[in-house]
Amino acid sequence: MGLLTVLAFGAVGAGGAVVAAPLAIAAVGFTASGIAAGSWAAAIMSAVATANGGAVAAGSAVSFFQAAGVVGLSTGATAAVAGTGALTGITAAVLI
């Protein structure tokens, strides 16, 4: 497999991951208007709140994903998602 093909797979993986991440976050229930009732996000929030004595801790995964659902991913999180997508794409290119 040529270098350009591997790089192309990496670019597609990075771009696809950056586009898919916000869609996946919304799909599980972390939306711009809050956590959707009856969603996976609501179940996760309920479990976390129960474990914490009724509150969701600031800085927890639930608060991170809720913030991402409301305002989108931060620059750092977008870079991490793109890097993971690129690595996945490159790995796929090498394995194919």
PDB file of N, CA and C in Angstrom:
ATOM      1  N   MET A   1       0.852  -1.165   0.000  1.00  0.00           N
ATOM      2  CA  MET A   1       0.000   0.000   0.000  1.00  0.00           C
ATOM      3  C   MET A   1       0.897   1.227   0.000  1.00  0.00           C
ATOM      4  N   GLY A   2       0.569   2.181  -0.858  1.00  0.00           N
ATOM      5  CA  GLY A   2       1.388   3.365  -0.999  1.00  0.00           C
ATOM      6  C   GLY A   2       1.176   4.375   0.115  1.00  0.00           C
ATOM      7  N   LEU A   3       2.157   5.240   0.282  1.00  0.00           N
ATOM      8  CA  LEU A   3       2.116   6.257   1.318  1.00  0.00           C
ATOM      9  C   LEU A   3       0.922   7.191   1.130  1.00  0.00           C
ATOM     10  N   LEU A   4       0.640   7.575  -0.109  1.00  0.00           N
ATOM     11  CA  LEU A   4      -0.490   8.480  -0.341  1.00  0.00           C
ATOM     12  C   LEU A   4      -1.819   7.836   0.039  1.00  0.00           C
ATOM     13  N   THR A   5      -1.945   6.559  -0.199  1.00  0.00           N
ATOM     14  CA  THR A   5      -3.172   5.854   0.192  1.00  0.00           C
ATOM     15  C   THR A   5      -3.319   5.833   1.700  1.00  0.00           C
ATOM     16  N   VAL A   6      -2.232   5.557   2.405  1.00  0.00           N
ATOM     17  CA  VAL A   6      -2.260   5.534   3.869  1.00  0.00           C
ATOM     18  C   VAL A   6      -2.622   6.921   4.399  1.00  0.00           C
ATOM     19  N   LEU A   7      -2.013   7.959   3.833  1.00  0.00           N
ATOM     20  CA  LEU A   7      -2.326   9.326   4.259  1.00  0.00           C
ATOM     21  C   LEU A   7      -3.773   9.703   3.944  1.00  0.00           C
ATOM     22  N   ALA A   8      -4.277   9.244   2.815  1.00  0.00           N
ATOM     23  CA  ALA A   8      -5.673   9.518   2.467  1.00  0.00           C
ATOM     24  C   ALA A   8      -6.616   8.856   3.459  1.00  0.00           C
ATOM     25  N   PHE A   9      -6.325   7.612   3.819  1.00  0.00           N
ATOM     26  CA  PHE A   9      -7.149   6.925   4.822  1.00  0.00           C
ATOM     27  C   PHE A   9      -7.099   7.677   6.147  1.00  0.00           C
ATOM     28  N   GLY A  10      -5.927   8.168   6.516  1.00  0.00           N
ATOM     29  CA  GLY A  10      -5.788   8.937   7.748  1.00  0.00           C
ATOM     30  C   GLY A  10      -6.596  10.220   7.708  1.00  0.00           C
ATOM     31  N   ALA A  11      -6.566  10.918   6.584  1.00  0.00           N
ATOM     32  CA  ALA A  11      -7.327  12.166   6.451  1.00  0.00           C
ATOM     33  C   ALA A  11      -8.830  11.913   6.501  1.00  0.00           C
ATOM     34  N   VAL A  12      -9.274  10.866   5.835  1.00  0.00           N
ATOM     35  CA  VAL A  12     -10.698  10.525   5.857  1.00  0.00           C
ATOM     36  C   VAL A  12     -11.125  10.113   7.271  1.00  0.00           C
ATOM     37  N   GLY A  13     -10.270   9.357   7.937  1.00  0.00           N
ATOM     38  CA  GLY A  13     -10.566   8.960   9.313  1.00  0.00           C
ATOM     39  C   GLY A  13     -10.669  10.158  10.238  1.00  0.00           C
ATOM     40  N   ALA A  14      -9.741  11.099  10.105  1.00  0.00           N
ATOM     41  CA  ALA A  14      -9.757  12.302  10.950  1.00  0.00           C
ATOM     42  C   ALA A  14     -11.003  13.133  10.682  1.00  0.00           C
ATOM     43  N   GLY A  15     -11.285  13.377   9.416  1.00  0.00           N
ATOM     44  CA  GLY A  15     -12.463  14.179   9.067  1.00  0.00           C
ATOM     45  C   GLY A  15     -13.759  13.513   9.469  1.00  0.00           C
ATOM     46  N   GLY A  16     -13.823  12.213   9.243  1.00  0.00           N
ATOM     47  CA  GLY A  16     -15.037  11.485   9.610  1.00  0.00           C
ATOM     48  C   GLY A  16     -15.287  11.498  11.102  1.00  0.00           C
ATOM     49  N   ALA A  17     -14.232  11.355  11.877  1.00  0.00           N
ATOM     50  CA  ALA A  17     -14.378  11.347  13.333  1.00  0.00           C
ATOM     51  C   ALA A  17     -14.818  12.709  13.848  1.00  0.00           C
ATOM     52  N   VAL A  18     -14.264  13.773  13.286  1.00  0.00           N
ATOM     53  CA  VAL A  18     -14.639  15.127  13.726  1.00  0.00           C
ATOM     54  C   VAL A  18     -16.105  15.409  13.409  1.00  0.00           C
ATOM     55  N   VAL A  19     -16.588  14.912  12.283  1.00  0.00           N
ATOM     56  CA  VAL A  19     -17.998  15.100  11.917  1.00  0.00           C
ATOM     57  C   VAL A  19     -18.894  14.184  12.754  1.00  0.00           C
ATOM     58  N   ALA A  20     -18.461  12.947  12.977  1.00  0.00           N
ATOM     59  CA  ALA A  20     -19.305  11.962  13.657  1.00  0.00           C
ATOM     60  C   ALA A  20     -19.403  12.177  15.166  1.00  0.00           C
ATOM     61  N   ALA A  21     -18.371  12.713  15.796  1.00  0.00           N
ATOM     62  CA  ALA A  21     -18.368  12.840  17.262  1.00  0.00           C
ATOM     63  C   ALA A  21     -19.551  13.656  17.792  1.00  0.00           C
ATOM     64  N   PRO A  22     -19.809  14.862  17.275  1.00  0.00           N
ATOM     65  CA  PRO A  22     -20.967  15.611  17.789  1.00  0.00           C
ATOM     66  C   PRO A  22     -22.298  14.913  17.504  1.00  0.00           C
ATOM     67  N   LEU A  23     -22.383  14.229  16.385  1.00  0.00           N
ATOM     68  CA  LEU A  23     -23.604  13.496  16.062  1.00  0.00           C
ATOM     69  C   LEU A  23     -23.816  12.342  17.042  1.00  0.00           C
ATOM     70  N   ALA A  24     -22.732  11.648  17.396  1.00  0.00           N
ATOM     71  CA  ALA A  24     -22.827  10.543  18.348  1.00  0.00           C
ATOM     72  C   ALA A  24     -23.193  11.055  19.738  1.00  0.00           C
ATOM     73  N   ILE A  25     -22.623  12.190  20.124  1.00  0.00           N
ATOM     74  CA  ILE A  25     -22.938  12.776  21.432  1.00  0.00           C
ATOM     75  C   ILE A  25     -24.422  13.120  21.506  1.00  0.00           C
ATOM     76  N   ALA A  26     -24.941  13.723  20.446  1.00  0.00           N
ATOM     77  CA  ALA A  26     -26.368  14.064  20.413  1.00  0.00           C
ATOM     78  C   ALA A  26     -27.237  12.814  20.353  1.00  0.00           C
ATOM     79  N   ALA A  27     -26.778  11.795  19.648  1.00  0.00           N
ATOM     80  CA  ALA A  27     -27.575  10.574  19.491  1.00  0.00           C
ATOM     81  C   ALA A  27     -27.805   9.848  20.816  1.00  0.00           C
ATOM     82  N   VAL A  28     -26.862   9.945  21.739  1.00  0.00           N
ATOM     83  CA  VAL A  28     -27.053   9.278  23.028  1.00  0.00           C
ATOM     84  C   VAL A  28     -27.813  10.146  24.019  1.00  0.00           C
ATOM     85  N   GLY A  29     -28.108  11.400  23.636  1.00  0.00           N
ATOM     86  CA  GLY A  29     -28.980  12.227  24.464  1.00  0.00           C
ATOM     87  C   GLY A  29     -28.389  13.485  25.049  1.00  0.00           C
ATOM     88  N   PHE A  30     -27.136  13.794  24.762  1.00  0.00           N
ATOM     89  CA  PHE A  30     -26.540  15.050  25.218  1.00  0.00           C
ATOM     90  C   PHE A  30     -26.792  16.095  24.142  1.00  0.00           C
ATOM     91  N   THR A  31     -27.889  16.846  24.278  1.00  0.00           N
ATOM     92  CA  THR A  31     -28.316  17.775  23.230  1.00  0.00           C
ATOM     93  C   THR A  31     -28.082  19.220  23.632  1.00  0.00           C
ATOM     94  N   ALA A  32     -28.274  20.121  22.689  1.00  0.00           N
ATOM     95  CA  ALA A  32     -28.083  21.545  22.944  1.00  0.00           C
ATOM     96  C   ALA A  32     -29.083  22.088  23.961  1.00  0.00           C
ATOM     97  N   SER A  33     -30.210  21.429  24.110  1.00  0.00           N
ATOM     98  CA  SER A  33     -31.217  21.906  25.065  1.00  0.00           C
ATOM     99  C   SER A  33     -31.172  21.147  26.393  1.00  0.00           C
ATOM    100  N   GLY A  34     -30.162  20.315  26.575  1.00  0.00           N
ATOM    101  CA  GLY A  34     -30.013  19.557  27.814  1.00  0.00           C
ATOM    102  C   GLY A  34     -30.066  18.069  27.550  1.00  0.00           C
ATOM    103  N   ILE A  35     -30.070  17.306  28.610  1.00  0.00           N
ATOM    104  CA  ILE A  35     -30.112  15.851  28.477  1.00  0.00           C
ATOM    105  C   ILE A  35     -31.535  15.431  28.127  1.00  0.00           C
ATOM    106  N   ALA A  36     -31.656  14.651  27.056  1.00  0.00           N
ATOM    107  CA  ALA A  36     -32.966  14.219  26.571  1.00  0.00           C
ATOM    108  C   ALA A  36     -33.578  13.180  27.512  1.00  0.00           C
ATOM    109  N   ALA A  37     -34.830  13.381  27.847  1.00  0.00           N
ATOM    110  CA  ALA A  37     -35.542  12.463  28.741  1.00  0.00           C
ATOM    111  C   ALA A  37     -35.612  11.073  28.114  1.00  0.00           C
ATOM    112  N   GLY A  38     -35.381  10.045  28.916  1.00  0.00           N
ATOM    113  CA  GLY A  38     -35.487   8.671  28.446  1.00  0.00           C
ATOM    114  C   GLY A  38     -34.312   8.196  27.610  1.00  0.00           C
ATOM    115  N   SER A  39     -33.274   9.008  27.477  1.00  0.00           N
ATOM    116  CA  SER A  39     -32.121   8.639  26.647  1.00  0.00           C
ATOM    117  C   SER A  39     -31.065   7.913  27.467  1.00  0.00           C
ATOM    118  N   TRP A  40     -30.048   7.408  26.781  1.00  0.00           N
ATOM    119  CA  TRP A  40     -28.913   6.809  27.473  1.00  0.00           C
ATOM    120  C   TRP A  40     -28.253   7.838  28.373  1.00  0.00           C
ATOM    121  N   ALA A  41     -28.174   9.075  27.896  1.00  0.00           N
ATOM    122  CA  ALA A  41     -27.560  10.135  28.693  1.00  0.00           C
ATOM    123  C   ALA A  41     -28.316  10.329  30.003  1.00  0.00           C
ATOM    124  N   ALA A  42     -29.635  10.252  29.955  1.00  0.00           N
ATOM    125  CA  ALA A  42     -30.440  10.399  31.172  1.00  0.00           C
ATOM    126  C   ALA A  42     -30.177   9.248  32.139  1.00  0.00           C
ATOM    127  N   ALA A  43     -30.041   8.044  31.611  1.00  0.00           N
ATOM    128  CA  ALA A  43     -29.750   6.887  32.458  1.00  0.00           C
ATOM    129  C   ALA A  43     -28.367   7.010  33.093  1.00  0.00           C
ATOM    130  N   ILE A  44     -27.400   7.468  32.308  1.00  0.00           N
ATOM    131  CA  ILE A  44     -26.036   7.654  32.828  1.00  0.00           C
ATOM    132  C   ILE A  44     -26.031   8.739  33.899  1.00  0.00           C
ATOM    133  N   MET A  45     -26.704   9.851  33.616  1.00  0.00           N
ATOM    134  CA  MET A  45     -26.762  10.938  34.595  1.00  0.00           C
ATOM    135  C   MET A  45     -27.427  10.473  35.885  1.00  0.00           C
ATOM    136  N   SER A  46     -28.488   9.711  35.776  1.00  0.00           N
ATOM    137  CA  SER A  46     -29.183   9.197  36.955  1.00  0.00           C
ATOM    138  C   SER A  46     -28.268   8.301  37.782  1.00  0.00           C
ATOM    139  N   ALA A  47     -27.545   7.421  37.121  1.00  0.00           N
ATOM    140  CA  ALA A  47     -26.638   6.512  37.831  1.00  0.00           C
ATOM    141  C   ALA A  47     -25.518   7.281  38.520  1.00  0.00           C
ATOM    142  N   VAL A  48     -24.961   8.271  37.831  1.00  0.00           N
ATOM    143  CA  VAL A  48     -23.879   9.075  38.414  1.00  0.00           C
ATOM    144  C   VAL A  48     -24.395   9.883  39.593  1.00  0.00           C
ATOM    145  N   ALA A  49     -25.563  10.480  39.436  1.00  0.00           N
ATOM    146  CA  ALA A  49     -26.135  11.269  40.533  1.00  0.00           C
ATOM    147  C   ALA A  49     -26.441  10.388  41.743  1.00  0.00           C
ATOM    148  N   THR A  50     -26.961   9.205  41.508  1.00  0.00           N
ATOM    149  CA  THR A  50     -27.246   8.280  42.607  1.00  0.00           C
ATOM    150  C   THR A  50     -25.955   7.897  43.324  1.00  0.00           C
ATOM    151  N   ALA A  51     -24.912   7.626  42.570  1.00  0.00           N
ATOM    152  CA  ALA A  51     -23.629   7.237  43.163  1.00  0.00           C
ATOM    153  C   ALA A  51     -22.993   8.387  43.937  1.00  0.00           C
ATOM    154  N   ASN A  52     -23.302   9.628  43.538  1.00  0.00           N
ATOM    155  CA  ASN A  52     -22.706  10.809  44.186  1.00  0.00           C
ATOM    156  C   ASN A  52     -23.623  11.426  45.227  1.00  0.00           C
ATOM    157  N   GLY A  53     -24.628  10.733  45.655  1.00  0.00           N
ATOM    158  CA  GLY A  53     -25.510  11.285  46.672  1.00  0.00           C
ATOM    159  C   GLY A  53     -26.482  12.328  46.153  1.00  0.00           C
ATOM    160  N   GLY A  54     -26.833  12.262  44.875  1.00  0.00           N
ATOM    161  CA  GLY A  54     -27.845  13.143  44.316  1.00  0.00           C
ATOM    162  C   GLY A  54     -27.336  14.249  43.421  1.00  0.00           C
ATOM    163  N   ALA A  55     -26.027  14.372  43.253  1.00  0.00           N
ATOM    164  CA  ALA A  55     -25.473  15.441  42.417  1.00  0.00           C
ATOM    165  C   ALA A  55     -24.508  14.859  41.387  1.00  0.00           C
ATOM    166  N   VAL A  56     -24.365  15.585  40.294  1.00  0.00           N
ATOM    167  CA  VAL A  56     -23.370  15.227  39.285  1.00  0.00           C
ATOM    168  C   VAL A  56     -22.175  16.144  39.505  1.00  0.00           C
ATOM    169  N   ALA A  57     -21.016  15.558  39.710  1.00  0.00           N
ATOM    170  CA  ALA A  57     -19.823  16.338  40.022  1.00  0.00           C
ATOM    171  C   ALA A  57     -19.351  17.141  38.817  1.00  0.00           C
ATOM    172  N   ALA A  58     -18.919  18.371  39.085  1.00  0.00           N
ATOM    173  CA  ALA A  58     -18.299  19.185  38.034  1.00  0.00           C
ATOM    174  C   ALA A  58     -17.033  18.479  37.572  1.00  0.00           C
ATOM    175  N   GLY A  59     -16.797  18.484  36.279  1.00  0.00           N
ATOM    176  CA  GLY A  59     -15.619  17.831  35.736  1.00  0.00           C
ATOM    177  C   GLY A  59     -15.791  16.352  35.458  1.00  0.00           C
ATOM    178  N   SER A  60     -16.970  15.810  35.748  1.00  0.00           N
ATOM    179  CA  SER A  60     -17.210  14.389  35.481  1.00  0.00           C
ATOM    180  C   SER A  60     -17.460  14.178  33.984  1.00  0.00           C
ATOM    181  N   ALA A  61     -17.486  12.920  33.586  1.00  0.00           N
ATOM    182  CA  ALA A  61     -17.748  12.604  32.177  1.00  0.00           C
ATOM    183  C   ALA A  61     -19.118  13.115  31.753  1.00  0.00           C
ATOM    184  N   VAL A  62     -20.096  13.024  32.649  1.00  0.00           N
ATOM    185  CA  VAL A  62     -21.443  13.514  32.312  1.00  0.00           C
ATOM    186  C   VAL A  62     -21.405  15.017  32.051  1.00  0.00           C
ATOM    187  N   SER A  63     -20.715  15.763  32.893  1.00  0.00           N
ATOM    188  CA  SER A  63     -20.662  17.215  32.684  1.00  0.00           C
ATOM    189  C   SER A  63     -19.874  17.563  31.422  1.00  0.00           C
ATOM    190  N   PHE A  64     -18.811  16.789  31.122  1.00  0.00           N
ATOM    191  CA  PHE A  64     -18.047  17.020  29.898  1.00  0.00           C
ATOM    192  C   PHE A  64     -18.922  16.826  28.665  1.00  0.00           C
ATOM    193  N   PHE A  65     -19.636  15.696  28.613  1.00  0.00           N
ATOM    194  CA  PHE A  65     -20.452  15.409  27.434  1.00  0.00           C
ATOM    195  C   PHE A  65     -21.655  16.346  27.341  1.00  0.00           C
ATOM    196  N   GLN A  66     -22.199  16.766  28.473  1.00  0.00           N
ATOM    197  CA  GLN A  66     -23.292  17.726  28.418  1.00  0.00           C
ATOM    198  C   GLN A  66     -22.797  19.057  27.848  1.00  0.00           C
ATOM    199  N   ALA A  67     -21.639  19.492  28.292  1.00  0.00           N
ATOM    200  CA  ALA A  67     -21.066  20.727  27.747  1.00  0.00           C
ATOM    201  C   ALA A  67     -20.792  20.579  26.253  1.00  0.00           C
ATOM    202  N   ALA A  68     -20.285  19.428  25.851  1.00  0.00           N
ATOM    203  CA  ALA A  68     -20.031  19.184  24.427  1.00  0.00           C
ATOM    204  C   ALA A  68     -21.330  19.181  23.642  1.00  0.00           C
ATOM    205  N   GLY A  69     -22.402  18.662  24.239  1.00  0.00           N
ATOM    206  CA  GLY A  69     -23.696  18.666  23.558  1.00  0.00           C
ATOM    207  C   GLY A  69     -24.249  20.071  23.395  1.00  0.00           C
ATOM    208  N   VAL A  70     -23.979  20.936  24.355  1.00  0.00           N
ATOM    209  CA  VAL A  70     -24.513  22.304  24.312  1.00  0.00           C
ATOM    210  C   VAL A  70     -23.684  23.199  23.399  1.00  0.00           C
ATOM    211  N   VAL A  71     -22.369  23.231  23.591  1.00  0.00           N
ATOM    212  CA  VAL A  71     -21.533  24.185  22.856  1.00  0.00           C
ATOM    213  C   VAL A  71     -20.589  23.547  21.852  1.00  0.00           C
ATOM    214  N   GLY A  72     -20.568  22.235  21.795  1.00  0.00           N
ATOM    215  CA  GLY A  72     -19.660  21.556  20.877  1.00  0.00           C
ATOM    216  C   GLY A  72     -18.361  21.192  21.568  1.00  0.00           C
ATOM    217  N   LEU A  73     -17.519  20.474  20.861  1.00  0.00           N
ATOM    218  CA  LEU A  73     -16.248  20.033  21.421  1.00  0.00           C
ATOM    219  C   LEU A  73     -15.256  21.190  21.459  1.00  0.00           C
ATOM    220  N   SER A  74     -14.425  21.207  22.480  1.00  0.00           N
ATOM    221  CA  SER A  74     -13.370  22.214  22.570  1.00  0.00           C
ATOM    222  C   SER A  74     -12.320  21.944  21.498  1.00  0.00           C
ATOM    223  N   THR A  75     -11.424  22.873  21.324  1.00  0.00           N
ATOM    224  CA  THR A  75     -10.351  22.697  20.345  1.00  0.00           C
ATOM    225  C   THR A  75      -9.505  21.481  20.682  1.00  0.00           C
ATOM    226  N   GLY A  76      -9.178  21.325  21.959  1.00  0.00           N
ATOM    227  CA  GLY A  76      -8.378  20.176  22.377  1.00  0.00           C
ATOM    228  C   GLY A  76      -9.096  18.860  22.154  1.00  0.00           C
ATOM    229  N   ALA A  77     -10.390  18.829  22.477  1.00  0.00           N
ATOM    230  CA  ALA A  77     -11.164  17.596  22.276  1.00  0.00           C
ATOM    231  C   ALA A  77     -11.310  17.290  20.786  1.00  0.00           C
ATOM    232  N   THR A  78     -11.496  18.320  19.972  1.00  0.00           N
ATOM    233  CA  THR A  78     -11.590  18.120  18.525  1.00  0.00           C
ATOM    234  C   THR A  78     -10.277  17.564  17.984  1.00  0.00           C
ATOM    235  N   ALA A  79      -9.159  18.087  18.469  1.00  0.00           N
ATOM    236  CA  ALA A  79      -7.851  17.585  18.038  1.00  0.00           C
ATOM    237  C   ALA A  79      -7.667  16.123  18.449  1.00  0.00           C
ATOM    238  N   ALA A  80      -8.100  15.780  19.656  1.00  0.00           N
ATOM    239  CA  ALA A  80      -7.983  14.392  20.119  1.00  0.00           C
ATOM    240  C   ALA A  80      -8.843  13.458  19.277  1.00  0.00           C
ATOM    241  N   VAL A  81     -10.054  13.899  18.958  1.00  0.00           N
ATOM    242  CA  VAL A  81     -10.951  13.089  18.120  1.00  0.00           C
ATOM    243  C   VAL A  81     -10.356  12.926  16.728  1.00  0.00           C
ATOM    244  N   ALA A  82      -9.808  14.012  16.173  1.00  0.00           N
ATOM    245  CA  ALA A  82      -9.202  13.940  14.841  1.00  0.00           C
ATOM    246  C   ALA A  82      -7.997  13.009  14.844  1.00  0.00           C
ATOM    247  N   GLY A  83      -7.180  13.095  15.868  1.00  0.00           N
ATOM    248  CA  GLY A  83      -6.013  12.212  15.960  1.00  0.00           C
ATOM    249  C   GLY A  83      -6.400  10.757  16.064  1.00  0.00           C
ATOM    250  N   THR A  84      -7.424  10.487  16.857  1.00  0.00           N
ATOM    251  CA  THR A  84      -7.905   9.106  16.997  1.00  0.00           C
ATOM    252  C   THR A  84      -8.472   8.603  15.676  1.00  0.00           C
ATOM    253  N   GLY A  85      -9.234   9.457  14.998  1.00  0.00           N
ATOM    254  CA  GLY A  85      -9.784   9.075  13.694  1.00  0.00           C
ATOM    255  C   GLY A  85      -8.696   8.836  12.660  1.00  0.00           C
ATOM    256  N   ALA A  86      -7.671   9.683  12.673  1.00  0.00           N
ATOM    257  CA  ALA A  86      -6.562   9.516  11.734  1.00  0.00           C
ATOM    258  C   ALA A  86      -5.823   8.210  11.999  1.00  0.00           C
ATOM    259  N   LEU A  87      -5.564   7.930  13.260  1.00  0.00           N
ATOM    260  CA  LEU A  87      -4.883   6.681  13.611  1.00  0.00           C
ATOM    261  C   LEU A  87      -5.713   5.466  13.203  1.00  0.00           C
ATOM    262  N   THR A  88      -7.020   5.554  13.399  1.00  0.00           N
ATOM    263  CA  THR A  88      -7.904   4.460  12.989  1.00  0.00           C
ATOM    264  C   THR A  88      -7.868   4.280  11.469  1.00  0.00           C
ATOM    265  N   GLY A  89      -7.911   5.387  10.738  1.00  0.00           N
ATOM    266  CA  GLY A  89      -7.861   5.312   9.275  1.00  0.00           C
ATOM    267  C   GLY A  89      -6.549   4.737   8.770  1.00  0.00           C
ATOM    268  N   ILE A  90      -5.452   5.171   9.379  1.00  0.00           N
ATOM    269  CA  ILE A  90      -4.135   4.654   8.967  1.00  0.00           C
ATOM    270  C   ILE A  90      -4.029   3.173   9.289  1.00  0.00           C
ATOM    271  N   THR A  91      -4.503   2.779  10.442  1.00  0.00           N
ATOM    272  CA  THR A  91      -4.484   1.361  10.823  1.00  0.00           C
ATOM    273  C   THR A  91      -5.298   0.530   9.841  1.00  0.00           C
ATOM    274  N   ALA A  92      -6.462   1.050   9.464  1.00  0.00           N
ATOM    275  CA  ALA A  92      -7.305   0.340   8.484  1.00  0.00           C
ATOM    276  C   ALA A  92      -6.593   0.203   7.148  1.00  0.00           C
ATOM    277  N   ALA A  93      -5.896   1.264   6.725  1.00  0.00           N
ATOM    278  CA  ALA A  93      -5.182   1.218   5.447  1.00  0.00           C
ATOM    279  C   ALA A  93      -4.075   0.183   5.470  1.00  0.00           C
ATOM    280  N   VAL A  94      -3.384   0.093   6.577  1.00  0.00           N
ATOM    281  CA  VAL A  94      -2.272  -0.863   6.676  1.00  0.00           C
ATOM    282  C   VAL A  94      -2.800  -2.302   6.722  1.00  0.00           C
ATOM    283  N   LEU A  95      -3.943  -2.505   7.381  1.00  0.00           N
ATOM    284  CA  LEU A  95      -4.487  -3.848   7.514  1.00  0.00           C
ATOM    285  C   LEU A  95      -5.187  -4.354   6.255  1.00  0.00           C
ATOM    286  N   ILE A  96      -5.613  -3.431   5.415  1.00  0.00           N
ATOM    287  CA  ILE A  96      -6.347  -3.841   4.206  1.00  0.00           C
ATOM    288  C   ILE A  96      -5.407  -4.379   3.149  1.00  0.00           C
TER     289      ILE A  96
END
